[in-house]
Amino acid sequence: MLKTWRDFLKEDDGMGTVEVILIIVVLISLVIIFKKQLTDLVNSIFEKIVSQANTI
């Protein structure tokens, strides 16, 4: 099973430059679209971390 997984990771003939660029563009677009929600989520998580760290 490990050999199969290793062979799969080494196999890159299906991964072209165009596909990688498209994936990056989609990820960047999602971050831009959901920037406000992501910022709010991260801020909320950090606030909880800080408030719970102060109780220890």
PDB file of N, CA and C in Angstrom:
ATOM      1  N   MET A   1       0.833  -1.190   0.000  1.00  0.00           N
ATOM      2  CA  MET A   1       0.000   0.000   0.000  1.00  0.00           C
ATOM      3  C   MET A   1       0.878   1.254   0.000  1.00  0.00           C
ATOM      4  N   LEU A   2       1.958   1.237   0.780  1.00  0.00           N
ATOM      5  CA  LEU A   2       2.848   2.389   0.836  1.00  0.00           C
ATOM      6  C   LEU A   2       3.490   2.648  -0.516  1.00  0.00           C
ATOM      7  N   LYS A   3       3.844   1.579  -1.226  1.00  0.00           N
ATOM      8  CA  LYS A   3       4.448   1.727  -2.552  1.00  0.00           C
ATOM      9  C   LYS A   3       3.448   2.364  -3.523  1.00  0.00           C
ATOM     10  N   THR A   4       2.199   1.968  -3.432  1.00  0.00           N
ATOM     11  CA  THR A   4       1.169   2.533  -4.300  1.00  0.00           C
ATOM     12  C   THR A   4       1.005   4.025  -4.026  1.00  0.00           C
ATOM     13  N   TRP A   5       0.990   4.398  -2.764  1.00  0.00           N
ATOM     14  CA  TRP A   5       0.843   5.801  -2.393  1.00  0.00           C
ATOM     15  C   TRP A   5       2.049   6.602  -2.878  1.00  0.00           C
ATOM     16  N   ARG A   6       3.239   6.057  -2.724  1.00  0.00           N
ATOM     17  CA  ARG A   6       4.457   6.721  -3.172  1.00  0.00           C
ATOM     18  C   ARG A   6       4.437   6.899  -4.691  1.00  0.00           C
ATOM     19  N   ASP A   7       4.012   5.864  -5.397  1.00  0.00           N
ATOM     20  CA  ASP A   7       3.924   5.962  -6.860  1.00  0.00           C
ATOM     21  C   ASP A   7       2.917   7.036  -7.272  1.00  0.00           C
ATOM     22  N   PHE A   8       1.809   7.122  -6.550  1.00  0.00           N
ATOM     23  CA  PHE A   8       0.792   8.128  -6.848  1.00  0.00           C
ATOM     24  C   PHE A   8       1.354   9.537  -6.663  1.00  0.00           C
ATOM     25  N   LEU A   9       2.127   9.748  -5.595  1.00  0.00           N
ATOM     26  CA  LEU A   9       2.693  11.066  -5.347  1.00  0.00           C
ATOM     27  C   LEU A   9       3.741  11.434  -6.388  1.00  0.00           C
ATOM     28  N   LYS A  10       4.480  10.458  -6.890  1.00  0.00           N
ATOM     29  CA  LYS A  10       5.511  10.725  -7.886  1.00  0.00           C
ATOM     30  C   LYS A  10       4.918  10.982  -9.268  1.00  0.00           C
ATOM     31  N   GLU A  11       3.743  10.442  -9.513  1.00  0.00           N
ATOM     32  CA  GLU A  11       3.119  10.565 -10.825  1.00  0.00           C
ATOM     33  C   GLU A  11       2.589  11.983 -11.004  1.00  0.00           C
ATOM     34  N   ASP A  12       3.165  12.719 -11.924  1.00  0.00           N
ATOM     35  CA  ASP A  12       2.746  14.102 -12.120  1.00  0.00           C
ATOM     36  C   ASP A  12       2.359  14.389 -13.563  1.00  0.00           C
ATOM     37  N   ASP A  13       2.183  13.362 -14.371  1.00  0.00           N
ATOM     38  CA  ASP A  13       1.872  13.608 -15.782  1.00  0.00           C
ATOM     39  C   ASP A  13       0.480  14.185 -15.983  1.00  0.00           C
ATOM     40  N   GLY A  14      -0.409  14.054 -15.012  1.00  0.00           N
ATOM     41  CA  GLY A  14      -1.743  14.605 -15.148  1.00  0.00           C
ATOM     42  C   GLY A  14      -1.860  16.015 -14.613  1.00  0.00           C
ATOM     43  N   MET A  15      -0.809  16.519 -14.004  1.00  0.00           N
ATOM     44  CA  MET A  15      -0.852  17.825 -13.363  1.00  0.00           C
ATOM     45  C   MET A  15      -0.072  18.826 -14.201  1.00  0.00           C
ATOM     46  N   GLY A  16      -0.790  19.604 -14.970  1.00  0.00           N
ATOM     47  CA  GLY A  16      -0.139  20.581 -15.827  1.00  0.00           C
ATOM     48  C   GLY A  16      -0.120  21.954 -15.198  1.00  0.00           C
ATOM     49  N   THR A  17       0.585  22.841 -15.835  1.00  0.00           N
ATOM     50  CA  THR A  17       0.715  24.206 -15.335  1.00  0.00           C
ATOM     51  C   THR A  17      -0.631  24.919 -15.328  1.00  0.00           C
ATOM     52  N   VAL A  18      -1.414  24.683 -16.341  1.00  0.00           N
ATOM     53  CA  VAL A  18      -2.722  25.347 -16.434  1.00  0.00           C
ATOM     54  C   VAL A  18      -3.615  24.938 -15.278  1.00  0.00           C
ATOM     55  N   GLU A  19      -3.610  23.674 -14.934  1.00  0.00           N
ATOM     56  CA  GLU A  19      -4.441  23.200 -13.827  1.00  0.00           C
ATOM     57  C   GLU A  19      -4.011  23.824 -12.514  1.00  0.00           C
ATOM     58  N   VAL A  20      -2.711  23.907 -12.289  1.00  0.00           N
ATOM     59  CA  VAL A  20      -2.209  24.498 -11.050  1.00  0.00           C
ATOM     60  C   VAL A  20      -2.593  25.974 -10.980  1.00  0.00           C
ATOM     61  N   ILE A  21      -2.459  26.683 -12.076  1.00  0.00           N
ATOM     62  CA  ILE A  21      -2.830  28.099 -12.106  1.00  0.00           C
ATOM     63  C   ILE A  21      -4.322  28.275 -11.859  1.00  0.00           C
ATOM     64  N   LEU A  22      -5.142  27.414 -12.446  1.00  0.00           N
ATOM     65  CA  LEU A  22      -6.588  27.505 -12.220  1.00  0.00           C
ATOM     66  C   LEU A  22      -6.945  27.257 -10.762  1.00  0.00           C
ATOM     67  N   ILE A  23      -6.310  26.294 -10.140  1.00  0.00           N
ATOM     68  CA  ILE A  23      -6.561  26.016  -8.722  1.00  0.00           C
ATOM     69  C   ILE A  23      -6.182  27.225  -7.871  1.00  0.00           C
ATOM     70  N   ILE A  24      -5.048  27.829  -8.159  1.00  0.00           N
ATOM     71  CA  ILE A  24      -4.608  29.011  -7.406  1.00  0.00           C
ATOM     72  C   ILE A  24      -5.581  30.164  -7.602  1.00  0.00           C
ATOM     73  N   VAL A  25      -6.041  30.366  -8.827  1.00  0.00           N
ATOM     74  CA  VAL A  25      -6.997  31.441  -9.104  1.00  0.00           C
ATOM     75  C   VAL A  25      -8.301  31.220  -8.349  1.00  0.00           C
ATOM     76  N   VAL A  26      -8.782  29.997  -8.329  1.00  0.00           N
ATOM     77  CA  VAL A  26     -10.024  29.692  -7.606  1.00  0.00           C
ATOM     78  C   VAL A  26      -9.841  29.943  -6.108  1.00  0.00           C
ATOM     79  N   LEU A  27      -8.723  29.510  -5.540  1.00  0.00           N
ATOM     80  CA  LEU A  27      -8.483  29.722  -4.110  1.00  0.00           C
ATOM     81  C   LEU A  27      -8.390  31.205  -3.771  1.00  0.00           C
ATOM     82  N   ILE A  28      -7.687  31.968  -4.591  1.00  0.00           N
ATOM     83  CA  ILE A  28      -7.573  33.406  -4.356  1.00  0.00           C
ATOM     84  C   ILE A  28      -8.943  34.080  -4.479  1.00  0.00           C
ATOM     85  N   SER A  29      -9.734  33.644  -5.457  1.00  0.00           N
ATOM     86  CA  SER A  29     -11.077  34.205  -5.631  1.00  0.00           C
ATOM     87  C   SER A  29     -11.952  33.932  -4.415  1.00  0.00           C
ATOM     88  N   LEU A  30     -11.870  32.723  -3.890  1.00  0.00           N
ATOM     89  CA  LEU A  30     -12.661  32.389  -2.703  1.00  0.00           C
ATOM     90  C   LEU A  30     -12.250  33.228  -1.500  1.00  0.00           C
ATOM     91  N   VAL A  31     -10.961  33.439  -1.350  1.00  0.00           N
ATOM     92  CA  VAL A  31     -10.485  34.273  -0.241  1.00  0.00           C
ATOM     93  C   VAL A  31     -10.980  35.711  -0.406  1.00  0.00           C
ATOM     94  N   ILE A  32     -10.945  36.227  -1.628  1.00  0.00           N
ATOM     95  CA  ILE A  32     -11.412  37.600  -1.869  1.00  0.00           C
ATOM     96  C   ILE A  32     -12.912  37.701  -1.623  1.00  0.00           C
ATOM     97  N   ILE A  33     -13.671  36.727  -2.097  1.00  0.00           N
ATOM     98  CA  ILE A  33     -15.130  36.756  -1.942  1.00  0.00           C
ATOM     99  C   ILE A  33     -15.529  36.671  -0.474  1.00  0.00           C
ATOM    100  N   PHE A  34     -14.873  35.788   0.290  1.00  0.00           N
ATOM    101  CA  PHE A  34     -15.259  35.549   1.678  1.00  0.00           C
ATOM    102  C   PHE A  34     -14.302  36.208   2.666  1.00  0.00           C
ATOM    103  N   LYS A  35     -13.641  37.290   2.255  1.00  0.00           N
ATOM    104  CA  LYS A  35     -12.653  37.944   3.106  1.00  0.00           C
ATOM    105  C   LYS A  35     -13.261  38.411   4.424  1.00  0.00           C
ATOM    106  N   LYS A  36     -14.402  39.051   4.368  1.00  0.00           N
ATOM    107  CA  LYS A  36     -15.050  39.574   5.584  1.00  0.00           C
ATOM    108  C   LYS A  36     -15.410  38.440   6.534  1.00  0.00           C
ATOM    109  N   GLN A  37     -15.997  37.372   6.008  1.00  0.00           N
ATOM    110  CA  GLN A  37     -16.381  36.256   6.856  1.00  0.00           C
ATOM    111  C   GLN A  37     -15.151  35.571   7.459  1.00  0.00           C
ATOM    112  N   LEU A  38     -14.094  35.416   6.665  1.00  0.00           N
ATOM    113  CA  LEU A  38     -12.870  34.789   7.165  1.00  0.00           C
ATOM    114  C   LEU A  38     -12.217  35.648   8.243  1.00  0.00           C
ATOM    115  N   THR A  39     -12.197  36.958   8.034  1.00  0.00           N
ATOM    116  CA  THR A  39     -11.615  37.865   9.024  1.00  0.00           C
ATOM    117  C   THR A  39     -12.399  37.806  10.329  1.00  0.00           C
ATOM    118  N   ASP A  40     -13.725  37.820  10.235  1.00  0.00           N
ATOM    119  CA  ASP A  40     -14.555  37.725  11.431  1.00  0.00           C
ATOM    120  C   ASP A  40     -14.334  36.407  12.167  1.00  0.00           C
ATOM    121  N   LEU A  41     -14.233  35.325  11.416  1.00  0.00           N
ATOM    122  CA  LEU A  41     -14.019  34.016  12.020  1.00  0.00           C
ATOM    123  C   LEU A  41     -12.689  33.947  12.749  1.00  0.00           C
ATOM    124  N   VAL A  42     -11.629  34.416  12.099  1.00  0.00           N
ATOM    125  CA  VAL A  42     -10.293  34.379  12.712  1.00  0.00           C
ATOM    126  C   VAL A  42     -10.254  35.270  13.951  1.00  0.00           C
ATOM    127  N   ASN A  43     -10.844  36.455  13.862  1.00  0.00           N
ATOM    128  CA  ASN A  43     -10.885  37.346  15.027  1.00  0.00           C
ATOM    129  C   ASN A  43     -11.647  36.711  16.180  1.00  0.00           C
ATOM    130  N   SER A  44     -12.746  36.067  15.883  1.00  0.00           N
ATOM    131  CA  SER A  44     -13.537  35.396  16.916  1.00  0.00           C
ATOM    132  C   SER A  44     -12.734  34.279  17.580  1.00  0.00           C
ATOM    133  N   ILE A  45     -12.031  33.518  16.786  1.00  0.00           N
ATOM    134  CA  ILE A  45     -11.222  32.419  17.331  1.00  0.00           C
ATOM    135  C   ILE A  45     -10.121  32.971  18.227  1.00  0.00           C
ATOM    136  N   PHE A  46      -9.434  34.033  17.785  1.00  0.00           N
ATOM    137  CA  PHE A  46      -8.368  34.612  18.600  1.00  0.00           C
ATOM    138  C   PHE A  46      -8.911  35.229  19.885  1.00  0.00           C
ATOM    139  N   GLU A  47     -10.084  35.844  19.824  1.00  0.00           N
ATOM    140  CA  GLU A  47     -10.690  36.400  21.035  1.00  0.00           C
ATOM    141  C   GLU A  47     -10.987  35.302  22.042  1.00  0.00           C
ATOM    142  N   LYS A  48     -11.497  34.166  21.575  1.00  0.00           N
ATOM    143  CA  LYS A  48     -11.767  33.051  22.487  1.00  0.00           C
ATOM    144  C   LYS A  48     -10.477  32.505  23.080  1.00  0.00           C
ATOM    145  N   ILE A  49      -9.450  32.412  22.257  1.00  0.00           N
ATOM    146  CA  ILE A  49      -8.162  31.911  22.738  1.00  0.00           C
ATOM    147  C   ILE A  49      -7.614  32.828  23.815  1.00  0.00           C
ATOM    148  N   VAL A  50      -7.656  34.129  23.588  1.00  0.00           N
ATOM    149  CA  VAL A  50      -7.115  35.095  24.554  1.00  0.00           C
ATOM    150  C   VAL A  50      -7.934  35.082  25.838  1.00  0.00           C
ATOM    151  N   SER A  51      -9.247  35.047  25.708  1.00  0.00           N
ATOM    152  CA  SER A  51     -10.086  35.070  26.906  1.00  0.00           C
ATOM    153  C   SER A  51      -9.925  33.788  27.724  1.00  0.00           C
ATOM    154  N   GLN A  52      -9.781  32.663  27.069  1.00  0.00           N
ATOM    155  CA  GLN A  52      -9.610  31.406  27.803  1.00  0.00           C
ATOM    156  C   GLN A  52      -8.189  31.277  28.345  1.00  0.00           C
ATOM    157  N   ALA A  53      -7.217  31.898  27.682  1.00  0.00           N
ATOM    158  CA  ALA A  53      -5.842  31.848  28.182  1.00  0.00           C
ATOM    159  C   ALA A  53      -5.725  32.689  29.450  1.00  0.00           C
ATOM    160  N   ASN A  54      -6.512  33.738  29.554  1.00  0.00           N
ATOM    161  CA  ASN A  54      -6.466  34.582  30.756  1.00  0.00           C
ATOM    162  C   ASN A  54      -7.068  33.884  31.971  1.00  0.00           C
ATOM    163  N   THR A  55      -7.905  32.892  31.749  1.00  0.00           N
ATOM    164  CA  THR A  55      -8.515  32.176  32.877  1.00  0.00           C
ATOM    165  C   THR A  55      -7.599  31.104  33.445  1.00  0.00           C
ATOM    166  N   ILE A  56      -6.559  30.762  32.729  1.00  0.00           N
ATOM    167  CA  ILE A  56      -5.645  29.716  33.209  1.00  0.00           C
ATOM    168  C   ILE A  56      -4.643  30.309  34.166  1.00  0.00           C
TER     169      ILE A  56
END
